[in-house]
Amino acid sequence: MRILKRDRRTILSQIAADFNDGASTSVSVRTVQRTVINMGSQSRRPTRVPLLTALHKALLLSWARQHYHWTVDDWKHVTWSDESRFQLYRTDARVRVWRQHH
């Protein structure tokens, strides 16, 4: 837990490798993961939320009021984008951080 508190972006394979360097016993990544989870931590994506200014809030409210009375047919003419990700391999190179359960 000290390692995770020092650097919350530390990956479990690095923690296992650090334990295995010079040790007479070996520790698997899965063992490290179970231990970290049992100690009350969880892996999450770091939050990156832009703060809304008063102008942003006013613009959002204005947009919502303009589109309040739209029908289903009106919405059918809107092109929706999807941000779903699909990965072919296990690693996705995304950064994760460890946090304590609240």
PDB file of N, CA and C in Angstrom:
ATOM      1  N   MET A   1       0.823  -1.198   0.000  1.00  0.00           N
ATOM      2  CA  MET A   1       0.000   0.000   0.000  1.00  0.00           C
ATOM      3  C   MET A   1       0.865   1.259   0.000  1.00  0.00           C
ATOM      4  N   ARG A   2       2.042   1.179   0.610  1.00  0.00           N
ATOM      5  CA  ARG A   2       2.932   2.347   0.595  1.00  0.00           C
ATOM      6  C   ARG A   2       3.353   2.693  -0.829  1.00  0.00           C
ATOM      7  N   ILE A   3       3.588   1.666  -1.630  1.00  0.00           N
ATOM      8  CA  ILE A   3       3.976   1.900  -3.024  1.00  0.00           C
ATOM      9  C   ILE A   3       2.851   2.603  -3.762  1.00  0.00           C
ATOM     10  N   LEU A   4       1.623   2.151  -3.565  1.00  0.00           N
ATOM     11  CA  LEU A   4       0.480   2.760  -4.246  1.00  0.00           C
ATOM     12  C   LEU A   4       0.186   4.160  -3.741  1.00  0.00           C
ATOM     13  N   LYS A   5       0.403   4.406  -2.461  1.00  0.00           N
ATOM     14  CA  LYS A   5       0.178   5.749  -1.935  1.00  0.00           C
ATOM     15  C   LYS A   5       1.222   6.726  -2.458  1.00  0.00           C
ATOM     16  N   ARG A   6       2.436   6.229  -2.686  1.00  0.00           N
ATOM     17  CA  ARG A   6       3.498   7.073  -3.220  1.00  0.00           C
ATOM     18  C   ARG A   6       3.248   7.412  -4.692  1.00  0.00           C
ATOM     19  N   ASP A   7       2.800   6.406  -5.459  1.00  0.00           N
ATOM     20  CA  ASP A   7       2.533   6.621  -6.887  1.00  0.00           C
ATOM     21  C   ASP A   7       1.289   5.819  -7.255  1.00  0.00           C
ATOM     22  N   ARG A   8       0.153   6.497  -7.337  1.00  0.00           N
ATOM     23  CA  ARG A   8      -1.119   5.815  -7.590  1.00  0.00           C
ATOM     24  C   ARG A   8      -1.224   5.262  -9.002  1.00  0.00           C
ATOM     25  N   ARG A   9      -0.280   5.640  -9.889  1.00  0.00           N
ATOM     26  CA  ARG A   9      -0.298   5.130 -11.258  1.00  0.00           C
ATOM     27  C   ARG A   9       0.594   3.908 -11.436  1.00  0.00           C
ATOM     28  N   THR A  10       1.151   3.399 -10.364  1.00  0.00           N
ATOM     29  CA  THR A  10       2.004   2.227 -10.435  1.00  0.00           C
ATOM     30  C   THR A  10       1.191   1.034 -10.937  1.00  0.00           C
ATOM     31  N   ILE A  11       1.771   0.271 -11.845  1.00  0.00           N
ATOM     32  CA  ILE A  11       1.073  -0.901 -12.364  1.00  0.00           C
ATOM     33  C   ILE A  11       1.449  -2.124 -11.530  1.00  0.00           C
ATOM     34  N   LEU A  12       0.525  -3.067 -11.456  1.00  0.00           N
ATOM     35  CA  LEU A  12       0.709  -4.223 -10.589  1.00  0.00           C
ATOM     36  C   LEU A  12       1.887  -5.093 -11.008  1.00  0.00           C
ATOM     37  N   SER A  13       2.133  -5.191 -12.310  1.00  0.00           N
ATOM     38  CA  SER A  13       3.269  -6.004 -12.754  1.00  0.00           C
ATOM     39  C   SER A  13       4.593  -5.422 -12.263  1.00  0.00           C
ATOM     40  N   GLN A  14       4.676  -4.098 -12.150  1.00  0.00           N
ATOM     41  CA  GLN A  14       5.899  -3.467 -11.638  1.00  0.00           C
ATOM     42  C   GLN A  14       6.057  -3.745 -10.138  1.00  0.00           C
ATOM     43  N   ILE A  15       4.950  -3.721  -9.397  1.00  0.00           N
ATOM     44  CA  ILE A  15       5.010  -4.034  -7.964  1.00  0.00           C
ATOM     45  C   ILE A  15       5.470  -5.474  -7.772  1.00  0.00           C
ATOM     46  N   ALA A  16       4.918  -6.396  -8.552  1.00  0.00           N
ATOM     47  CA  ALA A  16       5.323  -7.799  -8.454  1.00  0.00           C
ATOM     48  C   ALA A  16       6.793  -7.963  -8.814  1.00  0.00           C
ATOM     49  N   ALA A  17       7.239  -7.274  -9.849  1.00  0.00           N
ATOM     50  CA  ALA A  17       8.653  -7.359 -10.253  1.00  0.00           C
ATOM     51  C   ALA A  17       9.563  -6.823  -9.156  1.00  0.00           C
ATOM     52  N   ASP A  18       9.163  -5.748  -8.492  1.00  0.00           N
ATOM     53  CA  ASP A  18       9.967  -5.191  -7.400  1.00  0.00           C
ATOM     54  C   ASP A  18      10.075  -6.175  -6.243  1.00  0.00           C
ATOM     55  N   PHE A  19       8.976  -6.872  -5.939  1.00  0.00           N
ATOM     56  CA  PHE A  19       9.010  -7.868  -4.864  1.00  0.00           C
ATOM     57  C   PHE A  19       9.874  -9.066  -5.253  1.00  0.00           C
ATOM     58  N   ASN A  20       9.849  -9.427  -6.514  1.00  0.00           N
ATOM     59  CA  ASN A  20      10.575 -10.615  -6.961  1.00  0.00           C
ATOM     60  C   ASN A  20      12.064 -10.375  -7.128  1.00  0.00           C
ATOM     61  N   ASP A  21      12.506  -9.126  -7.243  1.00  0.00           N
ATOM     62  CA  ASP A  21      13.934  -8.832  -7.367  1.00  0.00           C
ATOM     63  C   ASP A  21      14.645  -9.164  -6.063  1.00  0.00           C
ATOM     64  N   GLY A  22      15.506 -10.149  -6.114  1.00  0.00           N
ATOM     65  CA  GLY A  22      16.320 -10.496  -4.956  1.00  0.00           C
ATOM     66  C   GLY A  22      15.583 -11.256  -3.873  1.00  0.00           C
ATOM     67  N   ALA A  23      14.335 -11.599  -4.073  1.00  0.00           N
ATOM     68  CA  ALA A  23      13.591 -12.336  -3.055  1.00  0.00           C
ATOM     69  C   ALA A  23      13.738 -13.835  -3.292  1.00  0.00           C
ATOM     70  N   SER A  24      13.636 -14.590  -2.210  1.00  0.00           N
ATOM     71  CA  SER A  24      13.750 -16.038  -2.343  1.00  0.00           C
ATOM     72  C   SER A  24      12.430 -16.664  -2.803  1.00  0.00           C
ATOM     73  N   THR A  25      11.347 -15.934  -2.661  1.00  0.00           N
ATOM     74  CA  THR A  25      10.050 -16.419  -3.137  1.00  0.00           C
ATOM     75  C   THR A  25       9.555 -15.506  -4.242  1.00  0.00           C
ATOM     76  N   SER A  26       8.673 -16.029  -5.072  1.00  0.00           N
ATOM     77  CA  SER A  26       8.143 -15.197  -6.153  1.00  0.00           C
ATOM     78  C   SER A  26       6.676 -14.874  -5.880  1.00  0.00           C
ATOM     79  N   VAL A  27       6.281 -13.693  -6.295  1.00  0.00           N
ATOM     80  CA  VAL A  27       4.911 -13.214  -6.115  1.00  0.00           C
ATOM     81  C   VAL A  27       4.337 -12.953  -7.498  1.00  0.00           C
ATOM     82  N   SER A  28       3.144 -13.478  -7.740  1.00  0.00           N
ATOM     83  CA  SER A  28       2.514 -13.268  -9.041  1.00  0.00           C
ATOM     84  C   SER A  28       1.760 -11.938  -9.062  1.00  0.00           C
ATOM     85  N   VAL A  29       1.483 -11.471 -10.261  1.00  0.00           N
ATOM     86  CA  VAL A  29       0.720 -10.231 -10.421  1.00  0.00           C
ATOM     87  C   VAL A  29      -0.673 -10.407  -9.839  1.00  0.00           C
ATOM     88  N   ARG A  30      -1.254 -11.577 -10.026  1.00  0.00           N
ATOM     89  CA  ARG A  30      -2.602 -11.846  -9.501  1.00  0.00           C
ATOM     90  C   ARG A  30      -2.617 -11.780  -7.969  1.00  0.00           C
ATOM     91  N   THR A  31      -1.562 -12.274  -7.317  1.00  0.00           N
ATOM     92  CA  THR A  31      -1.467 -12.194  -5.857  1.00  0.00           C
ATOM     93  C   THR A  31      -1.397 -10.746  -5.398  1.00  0.00           C
ATOM     94  N   VAL A  32      -0.600  -9.949  -6.096  1.00  0.00           N
ATOM     95  CA  VAL A  32      -0.514  -8.522  -5.769  1.00  0.00           C
ATOM     96  C   VAL A  32      -1.873  -7.869  -5.956  1.00  0.00           C
ATOM     97  N   GLN A  33      -2.569  -8.198  -7.048  1.00  0.00           N
ATOM     98  CA  GLN A  33      -3.889  -7.621  -7.303  1.00  0.00           C
ATOM     99  C   GLN A  33      -4.876  -7.975  -6.196  1.00  0.00           C
ATOM    100  N   ARG A  34      -4.932  -9.244  -5.819  1.00  0.00           N
ATOM    101  CA  ARG A  34      -5.845  -9.660  -4.744  1.00  0.00           C
ATOM    102  C   ARG A  34      -5.533  -8.940  -3.444  1.00  0.00           C
ATOM    103  N   THR A  35      -4.256  -8.816  -3.132  1.00  0.00           N
ATOM    104  CA  THR A  35      -3.849  -8.158  -1.889  1.00  0.00           C
ATOM    105  C   THR A  35      -4.253  -6.689  -1.885  1.00  0.00           C
ATOM    106  N   VAL A  36      -4.019  -6.006  -2.982  1.00  0.00           N
ATOM    107  CA  VAL A  36      -4.355  -4.584  -3.080  1.00  0.00           C
ATOM    108  C   VAL A  36      -5.872  -4.392  -2.953  1.00  0.00           C
ATOM    109  N   ILE A  37      -6.644  -5.241  -3.624  1.00  0.00           N
ATOM    110  CA  ILE A  37      -8.105  -5.135  -3.553  1.00  0.00           C
ATOM    111  C   ILE A  37      -8.600  -5.458  -2.150  1.00  0.00           C
ATOM    112  N   ASN A  38      -8.034  -6.482  -1.518  1.00  0.00           N
ATOM    113  CA  ASN A  38      -8.436  -6.841  -0.148  1.00  0.00           C
ATOM    114  C   ASN A  38      -8.092  -5.752   0.854  1.00  0.00           C
ATOM    115  N   MET A  39      -7.100  -4.931   0.542  1.00  0.00           N
ATOM    116  CA  MET A  39      -6.733  -3.837   1.438  1.00  0.00           C
ATOM    117  C   MET A  39      -7.590  -2.596   1.199  1.00  0.00           C
ATOM    118  N   GLY A  40      -8.545  -2.691   0.287  1.00  0.00           N
ATOM    119  CA  GLY A  40      -9.508  -1.610   0.121  1.00  0.00           C
ATOM    120  C   GLY A  40      -9.252  -0.656  -1.030  1.00  0.00           C
ATOM    121  N   SER A  41      -8.408  -1.027  -1.976  1.00  0.00           N
ATOM    122  CA  SER A  41      -8.165  -0.148  -3.123  1.00  0.00           C
ATOM    123  C   SER A  41      -8.873  -0.688  -4.357  1.00  0.00           C
ATOM    124  N   GLN A  42      -9.104   0.205  -5.293  1.00  0.00           N
ATOM    125  CA  GLN A  42      -9.707  -0.181  -6.560  1.00  0.00           C
ATOM    126  C   GLN A  42      -9.063   0.614  -7.682  1.00  0.00           C
ATOM    127  N   SER A  43      -9.010   0.008  -8.846  1.00  0.00           N
ATOM    128  CA  SER A  43      -8.402   0.647 -10.015  1.00  0.00           C
ATOM    129  C   SER A  43      -9.466   1.409 -10.776  1.00  0.00           C
ATOM    130  N   ARG A  44      -9.195   2.658 -11.075  1.00  0.00           N
ATOM    131  CA  ARG A  44     -10.150   3.517 -11.779  1.00  0.00           C
ATOM    132  C   ARG A  44      -9.420   4.364 -12.800  1.00  0.00           C
ATOM    133  N   ARG A  45     -10.155   4.858 -13.765  1.00  0.00           N
ATOM    134  CA  ARG A  45      -9.611   5.829 -14.709  1.00  0.00           C
ATOM    135  C   ARG A  45      -9.478   7.169 -13.987  1.00  0.00           C
ATOM    136  N   PRO A  46      -8.415   7.901 -14.202  1.00  0.00           N
ATOM    137  CA  PRO A  46      -8.302   9.210 -13.565  1.00  0.00           C
ATOM    138  C   PRO A  46      -9.358  10.169 -14.119  1.00  0.00           C
ATOM    139  N   THR A  47      -9.890  10.990 -13.255  1.00  0.00           N
ATOM    140  CA  THR A  47     -10.938  11.915 -13.696  1.00  0.00           C
ATOM    141  C   THR A  47     -10.313  13.128 -14.365  1.00  0.00           C
ATOM    142  N   ARG A  48     -10.883  13.489 -15.470  1.00  0.00           N
ATOM    143  CA  ARG A  48     -10.492  14.707 -16.185  1.00  0.00           C
ATOM    144  C   ARG A  48     -11.783  15.396 -16.570  1.00  0.00           C
ATOM    145  N   VAL A  49     -12.302  16.180 -15.692  1.00  0.00           N
ATOM    146  CA  VAL A  49     -13.583  16.836 -15.928  1.00  0.00           C
ATOM    147  C   VAL A  49     -13.342  18.336 -16.020  1.00  0.00           C
ATOM    148  N   PRO A  50     -13.630  18.930 -17.170  1.00  0.00           N
ATOM    149  CA  PRO A  50     -13.476  20.377 -17.257  1.00  0.00           C
ATOM    150  C   PRO A  50     -14.552  21.070 -16.433  1.00  0.00           C
ATOM    151  N   LEU A  51     -14.179  22.113 -15.782  1.00  0.00           N
ATOM    152  CA  LEU A  51     -15.138  22.856 -14.974  1.00  0.00           C
ATOM    153  C   LEU A  51     -16.044  23.684 -15.880  1.00  0.00           C
ATOM    154  N   LEU A  52     -17.316  23.698 -15.559  1.00  0.00           N
ATOM    155  CA  LEU A  52     -18.268  24.496 -16.321  1.00  0.00           C
ATOM    156  C   LEU A  52     -18.313  25.910 -15.772  1.00  0.00           C
ATOM    157  N   THR A  53     -18.170  26.856 -16.656  1.00  0.00           N
ATOM    158  CA  THR A  53     -18.277  28.249 -16.255  1.00  0.00           C
ATOM    159  C   THR A  53     -19.751  28.657 -16.310  1.00  0.00           C
ATOM    160  N   ALA A  54     -20.048  29.836 -15.837  1.00  0.00           N
ATOM    161  CA  ALA A  54     -21.416  30.341 -15.899  1.00  0.00           C
ATOM    162  C   ALA A  54     -21.881  30.458 -17.348  1.00  0.00           C
ATOM    163  N   LEU A  55     -20.977  30.830 -18.248  1.00  0.00           N
ATOM    164  CA  LEU A  55     -21.313  30.922 -19.668  1.00  0.00           C
ATOM    165  C   LEU A  55     -21.679  29.551 -20.236  1.00  0.00           C
ATOM    166  N   HIS A  56     -20.882  28.520 -19.901  1.00  0.00           N
ATOM    167  CA  HIS A  56     -21.179  27.163 -20.358  1.00  0.00           C
ATOM    168  C   HIS A  56     -22.563  26.720 -19.887  1.00  0.00           C
ATOM    169  N   LYS A  57     -22.846  26.970 -18.635  1.00  0.00           N
ATOM    170  CA  LYS A  57     -24.147  26.566 -18.080  1.00  0.00           C
ATOM    171  C   LYS A  57     -25.292  27.280 -18.780  1.00  0.00           C
ATOM    172  N   ALA A  58     -25.104  28.560 -19.063  1.00  0.00           N
ATOM    173  CA  ALA A  58     -26.147  29.327 -19.750  1.00  0.00           C
ATOM    174  C   ALA A  58     -26.358  28.805 -21.170  1.00  0.00           C
ATOM    175  N   LEU A  59     -25.272  28.487 -21.858  1.00  0.00           N
ATOM    176  CA  LEU A  59     -25.382  27.960 -23.216  1.00  0.00           C
ATOM    177  C   LEU A  59     -26.066  26.589 -23.231  1.00  0.00           C
ATOM    178  N   LEU A  60     -25.734  25.739 -22.268  1.00  0.00           N
ATOM    179  CA  LEU A  60     -26.383  24.428 -22.178  1.00  0.00           C
ATOM    180  C   LEU A  60     -27.880  24.560 -21.909  1.00  0.00           C
ATOM    181  N   LEU A  61     -28.231  25.451 -21.015  1.00  0.00           N
ATOM    182  CA  LEU A  61     -29.648  25.674 -20.701  1.00  0.00           C
ATOM    183  C   LEU A  61     -30.381  26.222 -21.918  1.00  0.00           C
ATOM    184  N   SER A  62     -29.761  27.131 -22.639  1.00  0.00           N
ATOM    185  CA  SER A  62     -30.359  27.685 -23.845  1.00  0.00           C
ATOM    186  C   SER A  62     -30.578  26.598 -24.891  1.00  0.00           C
ATOM    187  N   TRP A  63     -29.580  25.731 -25.104  1.00  0.00           N
ATOM    188  CA  TRP A  63     -29.702  24.650 -26.067  1.00  0.00           C
ATOM    189  C   TRP A  63     -30.827  23.693 -25.663  1.00  0.00           C
ATOM    190  N   ALA A  64     -30.904  23.364 -24.376  1.00  0.00           N
ATOM    191  CA  ALA A  64     -31.952  22.453 -23.894  1.00  0.00           C
ATOM    192  C   ALA A  64     -33.340  23.052 -24.091  1.00  0.00           C
ATOM    193  N   ARG A  65     -33.467  24.342 -23.849  1.00  0.00           N
ATOM    194  CA  ARG A  65     -34.776  24.995 -24.038  1.00  0.00           C
ATOM    195  C   ARG A  65     -35.178  25.049 -25.514  1.00  0.00           C
ATOM    196  N   GLN A  66     -34.198  25.218 -26.414  1.00  0.00           N
ATOM    197  CA  GLN A  66     -34.487  25.252 -27.850  1.00  0.00           C
ATOM    198  C   GLN A  66     -34.946  23.890 -28.366  1.00  0.00           C
ATOM    199  N   HIS A  67     -34.473  22.824 -27.767  1.00  0.00           N
ATOM    200  CA  HIS A  67     -34.777  21.479 -28.253  1.00  0.00           C
ATOM    201  C   HIS A  67     -35.779  20.743 -27.374  1.00  0.00           C
ATOM    202  N   TYR A  68     -36.364  21.410 -26.436  1.00  0.00           N
ATOM    203  CA  TYR A  68     -37.283  20.792 -25.480  1.00  0.00           C
ATOM    204  C   TYR A  68     -38.506  20.176 -26.177  1.00  0.00           C
ATOM    205  N   HIS A  69     -39.036  20.818 -27.166  1.00  0.00           N
ATOM    206  CA  HIS A  69     -40.271  20.367 -27.802  1.00  0.00           C
ATOM    207  C   HIS A  69     -40.040  19.505 -29.045  1.00  0.00           C
ATOM    208  N   TRP A  70     -38.819  19.059 -29.278  1.00  0.00           N
ATOM    209  CA  TRP A  70     -38.548  18.219 -30.432  1.00  0.00           C
ATOM    210  C   TRP A  70     -39.259  16.876 -30.301  1.00  0.00           C
ATOM    211  N   THR A  71     -39.718  16.365 -31.419  1.00  0.00           N
ATOM    212  CA  THR A  71     -40.389  15.061 -31.446  1.00  0.00           C
ATOM    213  C   THR A  71     -39.362  13.984 -31.789  1.00  0.00           C
ATOM    214  N   VAL A  72     -39.804  12.738 -31.745  1.00  0.00           N
ATOM    215  CA  VAL A  72     -38.931  11.625 -32.114  1.00  0.00           C
ATOM    216  C   VAL A  72     -38.487  11.765 -33.572  1.00  0.00           C
ATOM    217  N   ASP A  73     -39.375  12.222 -34.417  1.00  0.00           N
ATOM    218  CA  ASP A  73     -39.010  12.421 -35.832  1.00  0.00           C
ATOM    219  C   ASP A  73     -37.919  13.475 -35.990  1.00  0.00           C
ATOM    220  N   ASP A  74     -37.973  14.543 -35.192  1.00  0.00           N
ATOM    221  CA  ASP A  74     -36.913  15.552 -35.237  1.00  0.00           C
ATOM    222  C   ASP A  74     -35.560  14.937 -34.858  1.00  0.00           C
ATOM    223  N   TRP A  75     -35.553  14.112 -33.801  1.00  0.00           N
ATOM    224  CA  TRP A  75     -34.309  13.515 -33.332  1.00  0.00           C
ATOM    225  C   TRP A  75     -33.769  12.473 -34.307  1.00  0.00           C
ATOM    226  N   LYS A  76     -34.620  11.910 -35.159  1.00  0.00           N
ATOM    227  CA  LYS A  76     -34.154  10.928 -36.139  1.00  0.00           C
ATOM    228  C   LYS A  76     -33.244  11.557 -37.188  1.00  0.00           C
ATOM    229  N   HIS A  77     -33.302  12.871 -37.341  1.00  0.00           N
ATOM    230  CA  HIS A  77     -32.461  13.560 -38.317  1.00  0.00           C
ATOM    231  C   HIS A  77     -31.111  13.999 -37.743  1.00  0.00           C
ATOM    232  N   VAL A  78     -30.843  13.611 -36.527  1.00  0.00           N
ATOM    233  CA  VAL A  78     -29.583  13.956 -35.867  1.00  0.00           C
ATOM    234  C   VAL A  78     -28.622  12.786 -36.016  1.00  0.00           C
ATOM    235  N   THR A  79     -27.394  13.080 -36.357  1.00  0.00           N
ATOM    236  CA  THR A  79     -26.372  12.048 -36.448  1.00  0.00           C
ATOM    237  C   THR A  79     -25.707  11.922 -35.089  1.00  0.00           C
ATOM    238  N   TRP A  80     -25.756  10.730 -34.536  1.00  0.00           N
ATOM    239  CA  TRP A  80     -25.183  10.482 -33.216  1.00  0.00           C
ATOM    240  C   TRP A  80     -23.814   9.851 -33.368  1.00  0.00           C
ATOM    241  N   SER A  81     -22.897  10.275 -32.560  1.00  0.00           N
ATOM    242  CA  SER A  81     -21.570   9.656 -32.574  1.00  0.00           C
ATOM    243  C   SER A  81     -21.440   8.761 -31.354  1.00  0.00           C
ATOM    244  N   ASP A  82     -20.672   7.720 -31.497  1.00  0.00           N
ATOM    245  CA  ASP A  82     -20.479   6.766 -30.421  1.00  0.00           C
ATOM    246  C   ASP A  82     -18.997   6.732 -30.069  1.00  0.00           C
ATOM    247  N   GLU A  83     -18.716   6.780 -28.789  1.00  0.00           N
ATOM    248  CA  GLU A  83     -17.324   6.784 -28.358  1.00  0.00           C
ATOM    249  C   GLU A  83     -16.917   5.455 -27.740  1.00  0.00           C
ATOM    250  N   SER A  84     -17.619   4.386 -28.063  1.00  0.00           N
ATOM    251  CA  SER A  84     -17.256   3.074 -27.529  1.00  0.00           C
ATOM    252  C   SER A  84     -15.908   2.644 -28.087  1.00  0.00           C
ATOM    253  N   ARG A  85     -15.134   1.981 -27.247  1.00  0.00           N
ATOM    254  CA  ARG A  85     -13.836   1.492 -27.675  1.00  0.00           C
ATOM    255  C   ARG A  85     -13.864  -0.022 -27.724  1.00  0.00           C
ATOM    256  N   PHE A  86     -13.186  -0.552 -28.699  1.00  0.00           N
ATOM    257  CA  PHE A  86     -13.037  -1.990 -28.822  1.00  0.00           C
ATOM    258  C   PHE A  86     -11.558  -2.271 -28.948  1.00  0.00           C
ATOM    259  N   GLN A  87     -11.089  -3.264 -28.217  1.00  0.00           N
ATOM    260  CA  GLN A  87      -9.675  -3.580 -28.290  1.00  0.00           C
ATOM    261  C   GLN A  87      -9.507  -5.042 -28.681  1.00  0.00           C
ATOM    262  N   LEU A  88      -8.540  -5.283 -29.555  1.00  0.00           N
ATOM    263  CA  LEU A  88      -8.276  -6.631 -30.026  1.00  0.00           C
ATOM    264  C   LEU A  88      -7.328  -7.376 -29.099  1.00  0.00           C
ATOM    265  N   TYR A  89      -6.516  -6.635 -28.373  1.00  0.00           N
ATOM    266  CA  TYR A  89      -5.536  -7.242 -27.487  1.00  0.00           C
ATOM    267  C   TYR A  89      -5.787  -6.746 -26.073  1.00  0.00           C
ATOM    268  N   ARG A  90      -5.209  -7.418 -25.108  1.00  0.00           N
ATOM    269  CA  ARG A  90      -5.496  -7.135 -23.704  1.00  0.00           C
ATOM    270  C   ARG A  90      -5.050  -5.732 -23.267  1.00  0.00           C
ATOM    271  N   THR A  91      -3.920  -5.254 -23.700  1.00  0.00           N
ATOM    272  CA  THR A  91      -3.446  -3.952 -23.239  1.00  0.00           C
ATOM    273  C   THR A  91      -4.061  -2.846 -24.090  1.00  0.00           C
ATOM    274  N   ASP A  92      -4.509  -1.811 -23.434  1.00  0.00           N
ATOM    275  CA  ASP A  92      -5.073  -0.682 -24.169  1.00  0.00           C
ATOM    276  C   ASP A  92      -4.287   0.593 -23.922  1.00  0.00           C
ATOM    277  N   ALA A  93      -3.214   0.522 -23.159  1.00  0.00           N
ATOM    278  CA  ALA A  93      -2.310   1.646 -22.895  1.00  0.00           C
ATOM    279  C   ALA A  93      -3.008   2.823 -22.231  1.00  0.00           C
ATOM    280  N   ARG A  94      -4.104   2.566 -21.567  1.00  0.00           N
ATOM    281  CA  ARG A  94      -4.777   3.628 -20.834  1.00  0.00           C
ATOM    282  C   ARG A  94      -4.240   3.687 -19.409  1.00  0.00           C
ATOM    283  N   VAL A  95      -4.150   4.871 -18.886  1.00  0.00           N
ATOM    284  CA  VAL A  95      -3.645   5.076 -17.537  1.00  0.00           C
ATOM    285  C   VAL A  95      -4.767   4.811 -16.546  1.00  0.00           C
ATOM    286  N   ARG A  96      -4.429   4.108 -15.460  1.00  0.00           N
ATOM    287  CA  ARG A  96      -5.388   3.862 -14.393  1.00  0.00           C
ATOM    288  C   ARG A  96      -4.729   4.282 -13.088  1.00  0.00           C
ATOM    289  N   VAL A  97      -5.533   4.660 -12.125  1.00  0.00           N
ATOM    290  CA  VAL A  97      -5.020   5.019 -10.813  1.00  0.00           C
ATOM    291  C   VAL A  97      -5.715   4.166  -9.764  1.00  0.00           C
ATOM    292  N   TRP A  98      -5.031   3.960  -8.644  1.00  0.00           N
ATOM    293  CA  TRP A  98      -5.598   3.182  -7.542  1.00  0.00           C
ATOM    294  C   TRP A  98      -6.153   4.140  -6.511  1.00  0.00           C
ATOM    295  N   ARG A  99      -7.375   3.866  -6.075  1.00  0.00           N
ATOM    296  CA  ARG A  99      -8.044   4.704  -5.068  1.00  0.00           C
ATOM    297  C   ARG A  99      -8.588   3.835  -3.961  1.00  0.00           C
ATOM    298  N   GLN A 100      -8.706   4.420  -2.774  1.00  0.00           N
ATOM    299  CA  GLN A 100      -9.318   3.735  -1.635  1.00  0.00           C
ATOM    300  C   GLN A 100     -10.826   3.731  -1.800  1.00  0.00           C
ATOM    301  N   HIS A 101     -11.480   2.625  -1.363  1.00  0.00           N
ATOM    302  CA  HIS A 101     -12.949   2.583  -1.382  1.00  0.00           C
ATOM    303  C   HIS A 101     -13.472   3.646  -0.433  1.00  0.00           C
ATOM    304  N   HIS A 102     -14.603   4.254  -0.810  1.00  0.00           N
ATOM    305  CA  HIS A 102     -15.210   5.261   0.064  1.00  0.00           C
ATOM    306  C   HIS A 102     -16.408   4.688   0.747  1.00  0.00           C
TER     307      HIS A 102
END
